[in-house]
PDB file of N, CA and C in Angstrom:
ATOM      1  N   MET A   1      16.933  10.306  -1.454  1.00  0.00           N
ATOM      2  CA  MET A   1      16.235  10.819  -0.477  1.00  0.00           C
ATOM      3  C   MET A   1      17.419  10.359   0.441  1.00  0.00           C
ATOM      4  N   PRO A   2      18.555  10.809   0.818  1.00  0.00           N
ATOM      5  CA  PRO A   2      19.337  10.559   2.117  1.00  0.00           C
ATOM      6  C   PRO A   2      18.880  10.641   3.354  1.00  0.00           C
ATOM      7  N   SER A   3      18.946   9.599   3.975  1.00  0.00           N
ATOM      8  CA  SER A   3      18.745   9.318   5.264  1.00  0.00           C
ATOM      9  C   SER A   3      19.391   9.809   6.436  1.00  0.00           C
ATOM     10  N   THR A   4      19.235  10.574   7.629  1.00  0.00           N
ATOM     11  CA  THR A   4      20.123  10.874   8.357  1.00  0.00           C
ATOM     12  C   THR A   4      20.212   9.831   9.915  1.00  0.00           C
ATOM     13  N   THR A   5      19.241   9.019   9.475  1.00  0.00           N
ATOM     14  CA  THR A   5      18.903   7.649  10.498  1.00  0.00           C
ATOM     15  C   THR A   5      20.008   6.518  10.357  1.00  0.00           C
ATOM     16  N   THR A   6      20.589   6.342  11.531  1.00  0.00           N
ATOM     17  CA  THR A   6      21.352   5.057  11.350  1.00  0.00           C
ATOM     18  C   THR A   6      20.690   3.934  10.639  1.00  0.00           C
ATOM     19  N   ARG A   7      21.418   3.238   9.986  1.00  0.00           N
ATOM     20  CA  ARG A   7      20.526   1.862   9.271  1.00  0.00           C
ATOM     21  C   ARG A   7      21.409   1.002   9.927  1.00  0.00           C
ATOM     22  N   SER A   8      20.092   0.116  11.072  1.00  0.00           N
ATOM     23  CA  SER A   8      20.381  -0.830  11.923  1.00  0.00           C
ATOM     24  C   SER A   8      19.453  -1.942  11.721  1.00  0.00           C
ATOM     25  N   ARG A   9      18.774  -2.010  10.602  1.00  0.00           N
ATOM     26  CA  ARG A   9      18.341  -3.245   9.916  1.00  0.00           C
ATOM     27  C   ARG A   9      19.013  -3.816   8.666  1.00  0.00           C
ATOM     28  N   ARG A  10      18.664  -5.169   8.414  1.00  0.00           N
ATOM     29  CA  ARG A  10      19.263  -5.785   7.293  1.00  0.00           C
ATOM     30  C   ARG A  10      18.194  -6.826   6.401  1.00  0.00           C
ATOM     31  N   ILE A  11      18.310  -6.457   5.347  1.00  0.00           N
ATOM     32  CA  ILE A  11      17.345  -7.044   4.428  1.00  0.00           C
ATOM     33  C   ILE A  11      18.268  -7.842   3.440  1.00  0.00           C
ATOM     34  N   ASP A  12      18.274  -9.170   3.693  1.00  0.00           N
ATOM     35  CA  ASP A  12      19.184  -9.932   2.686  1.00  0.00           C
ATOM     36  C   ASP A  12      18.116 -10.585   1.118  1.00  0.00           C
ATOM     37  N   VAL A  13      18.628 -10.673   0.385  1.00  0.00           N
ATOM     38  CA  VAL A  13      18.196 -11.195  -0.883  1.00  0.00           C
ATOM     39  C   VAL A  13      19.146 -12.151  -1.666  1.00  0.00           C
ATOM     40  N   ARG A  14      18.502 -13.121  -2.040  1.00  0.00           N
ATOM     41  CA  ARG A  14      19.282 -13.968  -3.281  1.00  0.00           C
ATOM     42  C   ARG A  14      18.708 -13.940  -4.610  1.00  0.00           C
ATOM     43  N   VAL A  15      19.659 -13.681  -5.468  1.00  0.00           N
ATOM     44  CA  VAL A  15      19.640 -13.412  -6.859  1.00  0.00           C
ATOM     45  C   VAL A  15      19.912 -14.279  -7.845  1.00  0.00           C
ATOM     46  N   THR A  16      19.522 -14.167  -9.080  1.00  0.00           N
ATOM     47  CA  THR A  16      19.930 -15.096 -10.062  1.00  0.00           C
ATOM     48  C   THR A  16      21.405 -14.210 -10.305  1.00  0.00           C
ATOM     49  N   ASP A  17      22.030 -15.029 -11.392  1.00  0.00           N
ATOM     50  CA  ASP A  17      23.526 -14.408 -12.050  1.00  0.00           C
ATOM     51  C   ASP A  17      22.736 -13.093 -12.723  1.00  0.00           C
ATOM     52  N   GLU A  18      21.769 -13.671 -13.457  1.00  0.00           N
ATOM     53  CA  GLU A  18      21.027 -12.618 -14.288  1.00  0.00           C
ATOM     54  C   GLU A  18      20.551 -11.243 -13.896  1.00  0.00           C
ATOM     55  N   GLN A  19      19.692 -11.399 -12.869  1.00  0.00           N
ATOM     56  CA  GLN A  19      19.216 -10.268 -11.713  1.00  0.00           C
ATOM     57  C   GLN A  19      20.479  -9.501 -11.319  1.00  0.00           C
ATOM     58  N   ASP A  20      21.632 -10.366 -10.725  1.00  0.00           N
ATOM     59  CA  ASP A  20      22.723  -9.319 -10.368  1.00  0.00           C
ATOM     60  C   ASP A  20      23.345  -8.538 -11.577  1.00  0.00           C
ATOM     61  N   ALA A  21      23.782  -9.206 -12.445  1.00  0.00           N
ATOM     62  CA  ALA A  21      24.087  -8.349 -13.647  1.00  0.00           C
ATOM     63  C   ALA A  21      23.083  -7.065 -14.249  1.00  0.00           C
ATOM     64  N   ILE A  22      21.887  -7.449 -14.298  1.00  0.00           N
ATOM     65  CA  ILE A  22      20.991  -6.215 -14.441  1.00  0.00           C
ATOM     66  C   ILE A  22      20.975  -5.246 -13.297  1.00  0.00           C
ATOM     67  N   ILE A  23      20.885  -5.367 -12.305  1.00  0.00           N
ATOM     68  CA  ILE A  23      20.966  -4.667 -11.166  1.00  0.00           C
ATOM     69  C   ILE A  23      22.233  -3.724 -10.815  1.00  0.00           C
ATOM     70  N   ARG A  24      23.487  -4.496 -10.934  1.00  0.00           N
ATOM     71  CA  ARG A  24      24.780  -3.563 -11.232  1.00  0.00           C
ATOM     72  C   ARG A  24      24.924  -2.638 -12.338  1.00  0.00           C
ATOM     73  N   GLU A  25      24.272  -3.392 -13.426  1.00  0.00           N
ATOM     74  CA  GLU A  25      24.455  -2.201 -14.484  1.00  0.00           C
ATOM     75  C   GLU A  25      23.732  -1.185 -14.246  1.00  0.00           C
ATOM     76  N   ALA A  26      22.568  -1.208 -13.640  1.00  0.00           N
ATOM     77  CA  ALA A  26      21.298  -0.290 -13.768  1.00  0.00           C
ATOM     78  C   ALA A  26      22.161   0.660 -12.808  1.00  0.00           C
ATOM     79  N   ALA A  27      22.594   0.093 -11.215  1.00  0.00           N
ATOM     80  CA  ALA A  27      23.031   1.085 -10.281  1.00  0.00           C
ATOM     81  C   ALA A  27      24.140   1.515 -11.088  1.00  0.00           C
ATOM     82  N   MET A  28      25.086   1.618 -11.917  1.00  0.00           N
ATOM     83  CA  MET A  28      26.079   1.879 -12.271  1.00  0.00           C
ATOM     84  C   MET A  28      25.758   3.177 -13.166  1.00  0.00           C
ATOM     85  N   LEU A  29      24.540   2.878 -13.975  1.00  0.00           N
ATOM     86  CA  LEU A  29      24.264   4.385 -14.790  1.00  0.00           C
ATOM     87  C   LEU A  29      23.524   5.217 -14.299  1.00  0.00           C
ATOM     88  N   ALA A  30      22.832   4.580 -13.209  1.00  0.00           N
ATOM     89  CA  ALA A  30      22.143   5.520 -12.082  1.00  0.00           C
ATOM     90  C   ALA A  30      23.219   6.641 -11.274  1.00  0.00           C
ATOM     91  N   GLY A  31      24.423   6.111 -11.194  1.00  0.00           N
ATOM     92  CA  GLY A  31      25.823   6.459 -10.303  1.00  0.00           C
ATOM     93  C   GLY A  31      25.328   6.206  -8.978  1.00  0.00           C
ATOM     94  N   GLN A  32      24.850   5.219  -8.728  1.00  0.00           N
ATOM     95  CA  GLN A  32      24.409   4.750  -7.027  1.00  0.00           C
ATOM     96  C   GLN A  32      25.223   3.554  -6.745  1.00  0.00           C
ATOM     97  N   THR A  33      25.281   3.269  -5.697  1.00  0.00           N
ATOM     98  CA  THR A  33      25.539   1.732  -4.913  1.00  0.00           C
ATOM     99  C   THR A  33      24.820   1.228  -5.523  1.00  0.00           C
ATOM    100  N   ILE A  34      24.792  -0.284  -5.292  1.00  0.00           N
ATOM    101  CA  ILE A  34      23.949  -0.999  -5.561  1.00  0.00           C
ATOM    102  C   ILE A  34      23.009  -0.894  -3.989  1.00  0.00           C
ATOM    103  N   THR A  35      23.020  -0.796  -3.089  1.00  0.00           N
ATOM    104  CA  THR A  35      22.293  -0.646  -1.930  1.00  0.00           C
ATOM    105  C   THR A  35      21.781   0.183  -2.074  1.00  0.00           C
ATOM    106  N   ALA A  36      22.146   1.587  -2.099  1.00  0.00           N
ATOM    107  CA  ALA A  36      21.222   2.966  -2.758  1.00  0.00           C
ATOM    108  C   ALA A  36      20.363   2.590  -3.889  1.00  0.00           C
ATOM    109  N   PHE A  37      20.757   2.088  -4.859  1.00  0.00           N
ATOM    110  CA  PHE A  37      19.965   1.597  -6.122  1.00  0.00           C
ATOM    111  C   PHE A  37      18.461   0.961  -5.803  1.00  0.00           C
ATOM    112  N   LEU A  38      19.040  -0.262  -4.932  1.00  0.00           N
ATOM    113  CA  LEU A  38      17.731  -1.233  -4.530  1.00  0.00           C
ATOM    114  C   LEU A  38      17.047  -0.425  -3.171  1.00  0.00           C
ATOM    115  N   LEU A  39      17.490   0.346  -2.785  1.00  0.00           N
ATOM    116  CA  LEU A  39      16.707   0.979  -1.502  1.00  0.00           C
ATOM    117  C   LEU A  39      15.677   1.689  -2.324  1.00  0.00           C
ATOM    118  N   SER A  40      16.324   2.781  -2.870  1.00  0.00           N
ATOM    119  CA  SER A  40      15.487   3.662  -3.747  1.00  0.00           C
ATOM    120  C   SER A  40      14.252   3.183  -4.650  1.00  0.00           C
ATOM    121  N   ALA A  41      14.549   1.820  -5.666  1.00  0.00           N
ATOM    122  CA  ALA A  41      13.652   1.239  -6.450  1.00  0.00           C
ATOM    123  C   ALA A  41      12.555   0.655  -5.575  1.00  0.00           C
ATOM    124  N   ALA A  42      12.995  -0.083  -4.163  1.00  0.00           N
ATOM    125  CA  ALA A  42      11.982  -0.849  -3.275  1.00  0.00           C
ATOM    126  C   ALA A  42      10.955   0.112  -2.595  1.00  0.00           C
ATOM    127  N   GLN A  43      11.917   1.200  -1.913  1.00  0.00           N
ATOM    128  CA  GLN A  43      10.787   2.553  -1.381  1.00  0.00           C
ATOM    129  C   GLN A  43       9.811   3.170  -2.500  1.00  0.00           C
ATOM    130  N   GLU A  44      10.413   3.277  -3.531  1.00  0.00           N
ATOM    131  CA  GLU A  44       9.364   3.891  -4.382  1.00  0.00           C
ATOM    132  C   GLU A  44       8.143   3.121  -4.649  1.00  0.00           C
ATOM    133  N   ARG A  45       8.498   1.525  -5.291  1.00  0.00           N
ATOM    134  CA  ARG A  45       7.191   0.754  -5.274  1.00  0.00           C
ATOM    135  C   ARG A  45       6.749   0.714  -4.221  1.00  0.00           C
ATOM    136  N   ALA A  46       7.025   0.582  -2.617  1.00  0.00           N
ATOM    137  CA  ALA A  46       6.112   0.405  -1.387  1.00  0.00           C
ATOM    138  C   ALA A  46       5.492   1.684  -1.413  1.00  0.00           C
ATOM    139  N   ARG A  47       5.885   2.745  -1.704  1.00  0.00           N
ATOM    140  CA  ARG A  47       5.034   3.934  -1.495  1.00  0.00           C
ATOM    141  C   ARG A  47       4.015   3.934  -2.472  1.00  0.00           C
ATOM    142  N   GLU A  48       4.502   3.479  -3.940  1.00  0.00           N
ATOM    143  CA  GLU A  48       3.048   3.439  -4.935  1.00  0.00           C
ATOM    144  C   GLU A  48       1.893   2.557  -4.466  1.00  0.00           C
ATOM    145  N   LEU A  49       2.400   1.221  -3.931  1.00  0.00           N
ATOM    146  CA  LEU A  49       1.439   0.222  -3.144  1.00  0.00           C
ATOM    147  C   LEU A  49       0.416   0.922  -1.974  1.00  0.00           C
ATOM    148  N   LEU A  50       1.146   1.562  -1.466  1.00  0.00           N
ATOM    149  CA  LEU A  50       0.651   2.062   0.006  1.00  0.00           C
ATOM    150  C   LEU A  50      -0.177   3.372  -0.503  1.00  0.00           C
ATOM    151  N   ASP A  51       0.042   4.102  -1.605  1.00  0.00           N
ATOM    152  CA  ASP A  51      -0.699   5.162  -1.784  1.00  0.00           C
ATOM    153  C   ASP A  51      -2.125   4.643  -2.595  1.00  0.00           C
ATOM    154  N   GLU A  52      -1.829   3.601  -3.308  1.00  0.00           N
ATOM    155  CA  GLU A  52      -2.868   2.726  -4.138  1.00  0.00           C
ATOM    156  C   GLU A  52      -4.013   2.285  -2.766  1.00  0.00           C
ATOM    157  N   ARG A  53      -3.579   1.820  -1.718  1.00  0.00           N
ATOM    158  CA  ARG A  53      -4.285   1.416  -0.924  1.00  0.00           C
ATOM    159  C   ARG A  53      -4.864   2.449   0.043  1.00  0.00           C
ATOM    160  N   ARG A  54      -4.035   3.509  -0.106  1.00  0.00           N
ATOM    161  CA  ARG A  54      -4.424   4.589   1.075  1.00  0.00           C
ATOM    162  C   ARG A  54      -5.426   5.681   0.459  1.00  0.00           C
ATOM    163  N   HIS A  55      -5.252   5.907  -0.935  1.00  0.00           N
ATOM    164  CA  HIS A  55      -6.048   7.073  -1.450  1.00  0.00           C
ATOM    165  C   HIS A  55      -7.061   6.715  -2.642  1.00  0.00           C
ATOM    166  N   LEU A  56      -8.291   6.787  -2.573  1.00  0.00           N
ATOM    167  CA  LEU A  56      -9.326   6.390  -3.312  1.00  0.00           C
ATOM    168  C   LEU A  56      -9.376   7.322  -4.693  1.00  0.00           C
ATOM    169  N   VAL A  57      -8.963   6.903  -5.698  1.00  0.00           N
ATOM    170  CA  VAL A  57      -9.355   7.816  -6.893  1.00  0.00           C
ATOM    171  C   VAL A  57     -10.561   7.486  -7.693  1.00  0.00           C
ATOM    172  N   MET A  58     -11.218   8.436  -8.101  1.00  0.00           N
ATOM    173  CA  MET A  58     -12.383   7.969  -9.020  1.00  0.00           C
ATOM    174  C   MET A  58     -12.689   9.097  -9.665  1.00  0.00           C
ATOM    175  N   SER A  59     -13.583   9.056 -10.640  1.00  0.00           N
ATOM    176  CA  SER A  59     -14.315  10.255 -11.484  1.00  0.00           C
ATOM    177  C   SER A  59     -15.229  10.841 -11.080  1.00  0.00           C
ATOM    178  N   ASP A  60     -15.084  12.104 -11.446  1.00  0.00           N
ATOM    179  CA  ASP A  60     -16.345  13.138 -11.127  1.00  0.00           C
ATOM    180  C   ASP A  60     -17.809  12.136 -10.859  1.00  0.00           C
ATOM    181  N   ARG A  61     -18.229  11.497 -12.147  1.00  0.00           N
ATOM    182  CA  ARG A  61     -19.178  10.906 -12.036  1.00  0.00           C
ATOM    183  C   ARG A  61     -19.637  10.004 -11.056  1.00  0.00           C
ATOM    184  N   ALA A  62     -18.478   8.804 -10.825  1.00  0.00           N
ATOM    185  CA  ALA A  62     -18.361   7.870  -9.808  1.00  0.00           C
ATOM    186  C   ALA A  62     -18.464   8.412  -8.392  1.00  0.00           C
ATOM    187  N   PHE A  63     -17.774   9.405  -8.340  1.00  0.00           N
ATOM    188  CA  PHE A  63     -17.916  10.436  -6.920  1.00  0.00           C
ATOM    189  C   PHE A  63     -19.253  10.779  -6.764  1.00  0.00           C
ATOM    190  N   ALA A  64     -20.154  11.600  -7.625  1.00  0.00           N
ATOM    191  CA  ALA A  64     -21.473  11.819  -7.576  1.00  0.00           C
ATOM    192  C   ALA A  64     -21.944  10.802  -7.176  1.00  0.00           C
ATOM    193  N   ARG A  65     -22.095   9.678  -7.426  1.00  0.00           N
ATOM    194  CA  ARG A  65     -23.003   8.506  -7.583  1.00  0.00           C
ATOM    195  C   ARG A  65     -22.932   7.859  -5.985  1.00  0.00           C
ATOM    196  N   LEU A  66     -21.025   8.112  -5.623  1.00  0.00           N
ATOM    197  CA  LEU A  66     -21.104   7.590  -4.351  1.00  0.00           C
ATOM    198  C   LEU A  66     -21.583   8.740  -3.231  1.00  0.00           C
ATOM    199  N   ALA A  67     -21.481   9.924  -3.565  1.00  0.00           N
ATOM    200  CA  ALA A  67     -22.082  10.562  -2.999  1.00  0.00           C
ATOM    201  C   ALA A  67     -23.702  10.741  -2.438  1.00  0.00           C
ATOM    202  N   ALA A  68     -24.291  10.490  -3.637  1.00  0.00           N
ATOM    203  CA  ALA A  68     -25.815  10.573  -3.719  1.00  0.00           C
ATOM    204  C   ALA A  68     -26.269   9.002  -2.896  1.00  0.00           C
ATOM    205  N   ALA A  69     -25.284   7.857  -2.775  1.00  0.00           N
ATOM    206  CA  ALA A  69     -25.939   7.065  -2.530  1.00  0.00           C
ATOM    207  C   ALA A  69     -25.340   7.168  -0.465  1.00  0.00           C
ATOM    208  N   LEU A  70     -24.670   8.145  -0.315  1.00  0.00           N
ATOM    209  CA  LEU A  70     -24.101   8.405   0.851  1.00  0.00           C
ATOM    210  C   LEU A  70     -25.294   8.984   1.784  1.00  0.00           C
ATOM    211  N   GLU A  71     -25.752  10.034   1.072  1.00  0.00           N
ATOM    212  CA  GLU A  71     -26.709  10.925   1.379  1.00  0.00           C
ATOM    213  C   GLU A  71     -28.163  10.349   1.373  1.00  0.00           C
ATOM    214  N   ALA A  72     -28.350   9.375   0.612  1.00  0.00           N
ATOM    215  CA  ALA A  72     -29.860   8.447   0.594  1.00  0.00           C
ATOM    216  C   ALA A  72     -30.170   8.426   1.886  1.00  0.00           C
ATOM    217  N   PRO A  73     -31.453   8.407   2.207  1.00  0.00           N
ATOM    218  CA  PRO A  73     -31.978   7.566   3.571  1.00  0.00           C
ATOM    219  C   PRO A  73     -31.441   6.456   3.732  1.00  0.00           C
ATOM    220  N   ALA A  74     -31.196   6.150   4.800  1.00  0.00           N
ATOM    221  CA  ALA A  74     -31.058   4.605   5.313  1.00  0.00           C
ATOM    222  C   ALA A  74     -32.135   3.411   4.809  1.00  0.00           C
ATOM    223  N   GLU A  75     -31.881   2.389   4.659  1.00  0.00           N
ATOM    224  CA  GLU A  75     -32.964   1.598   4.346  1.00  0.00           C
ATOM    225  C   GLU A  75     -32.549   0.495   5.504  1.00  0.00           C
ATOM    226  N   GLU A  76     -33.881   0.028   6.070  1.00  0.00           N
ATOM    227  CA  GLU A  76     -33.532  -1.021   7.101  1.00  0.00           C
ATOM    228  C   GLU A  76     -33.455  -2.445   6.661  1.00  0.00           C
ATOM    229  N   VAL A  77     -32.556  -3.169   7.051  1.00  0.00           N
ATOM    230  CA  VAL A  77     -32.055  -4.628   6.477  1.00  0.00           C
ATOM    231  C   VAL A  77     -32.543  -5.318   7.695  1.00  0.00           C
ATOM    232  N   PRO A  78     -33.614  -6.403   7.498  1.00  0.00           N
ATOM    233  CA  PRO A  78     -34.014  -6.855   8.766  1.00  0.00           C
ATOM    234  C   PRO A  78     -33.030  -7.888   9.213  1.00  0.00           C
ATOM    235  N   ALA A  79     -32.067  -8.238   8.286  1.00  0.00           N
ATOM    236  CA  ALA A  79     -31.485  -9.620   8.817  1.00  0.00           C
ATOM    237  C   ALA A  79     -30.204  -8.688   9.809  1.00  0.00           C
ATOM    238  N   LEU A  80     -29.845  -7.979   9.395  1.00  0.00           N
ATOM    239  CA  LEU A  80     -28.914  -7.129  10.424  1.00  0.00           C
ATOM    240  C   LEU A  80     -29.475  -6.467  11.692  1.00  0.00           C
ATOM    241  N   THR A  81     -30.885  -6.080  11.520  1.00  0.00           N
ATOM    242  CA  THR A  81     -31.561  -5.501  12.674  1.00  0.00           C
ATOM    243  C   THR A  81     -31.498  -6.704  13.780  1.00  0.00           C
ATOM    244  N   GLU A  82     -31.820  -8.118  13.026  1.00  0.00           N
ATOM    245  CA  GLU A  82     -31.964  -9.078  14.121  1.00  0.00           C
ATOM    246  C   GLU A  82     -30.605  -9.663  14.817  1.00  0.00           C
ATOM    247  N   LEU A  83     -29.738  -9.301  14.141  1.00  0.00           N
ATOM    248  CA  LEU A  83     -28.391  -9.680  14.406  1.00  0.00           C
ATOM    249  C   LEU A  83     -27.878  -8.911  15.570  1.00  0.00           C
ATOM    250  N   LEU A  84     -28.157  -7.484  15.409  1.00  0.00           N
ATOM    251  CA  LEU A  84     -27.549  -6.342  16.503  1.00  0.00           C
ATOM    252  C   LEU A  84     -28.906  -6.696  17.626  1.00  0.00           C
ATOM    253  N   ARG A  85     -29.791  -7.134  17.561  1.00  0.00           N
ATOM    254  CA  ARG A  85     -30.717  -7.777  18.691  1.00  0.00           C
ATOM    255  C   ARG A  85     -30.249  -8.884  19.742  1.00  0.00           C
ATOM    256  N   LEU A  86     -29.352  -9.947  19.143  1.00  0.00           N
ATOM    257  CA  LEU A  86     -28.914 -10.657  19.665  1.00  0.00           C
ATOM    258  C   LEU A  86     -27.966 -10.583  20.771  1.00  0.00           C
ATOM    259  N   PRO A  87     -27.547 -11.498  21.884  1.00  0.00           N
ATOM    260  CA  PRO A  87     -27.173 -11.143  23.103  1.00  0.00           C
ATOM    261  C   PRO A  87     -25.683 -10.801  22.522  1.00  0.00           C
ATOM    262  N   ARG A  88     -25.024  -9.840  23.358  1.00  0.00           N
ATOM    263  CA  ARG A  88     -23.837  -9.849  22.876  1.00  0.00           C
ATOM    264  C   ARG A  88     -22.804 -10.827  23.487  1.00  0.00           C
ATOM    265  N   ILE A  89     -21.635 -11.182  22.996  1.00  0.00           N
ATOM    266  CA  ILE A  89     -20.919 -12.448  23.264  1.00  0.00           C
ATOM    267  C   ILE A  89     -19.796 -11.742  23.914  1.00  0.00           C
ATOM    268  N   ALA A  90     -19.318 -12.031  25.201  1.00  0.00           N
ATOM    269  CA  ALA A  90     -18.438 -11.719  26.053  1.00  0.00           C
ATOM    270  C   ALA A  90     -16.911 -12.066  25.710  1.00  0.00           C
ATOM    271  N   SER A  91     -15.891 -10.784  25.344  1.00  0.00           N
ATOM    272  CA  SER A  91     -14.495 -11.257  25.160  1.00  0.00           C
ATOM    273  C   SER A  91     -13.552 -11.153  26.219  1.00  0.00           C
ATOM    274  N   GLY A  92     -12.877 -11.927  26.630  1.00  0.00           N
ATOM    275  CA  GLY A  92     -12.210 -12.222  27.572  1.00  0.00           C
ATOM    276  C   GLY A  92     -10.711 -11.810  27.390  1.00  0.00           C
TER     277      GLY A  92
END
């Protein structure tokens, strides 16, 4: 996915000889420069991790249980009620 934005930031990494050899070989097989290969691999993994954190995936059964819990009448929690009655702490 080419970018039309000028690259102005730099990320330096140190690698072992073995890591260097594997990365170079893979980049060559992919027909990419080492920079393009590393960036695409890092971006893909970063997006996967971010998607895992941003999107909740569950079974239909689990969703039905969650929806039922959210729709159920609220139960009073005495400790929370007491906490909310305490004087507010001023923030400065």
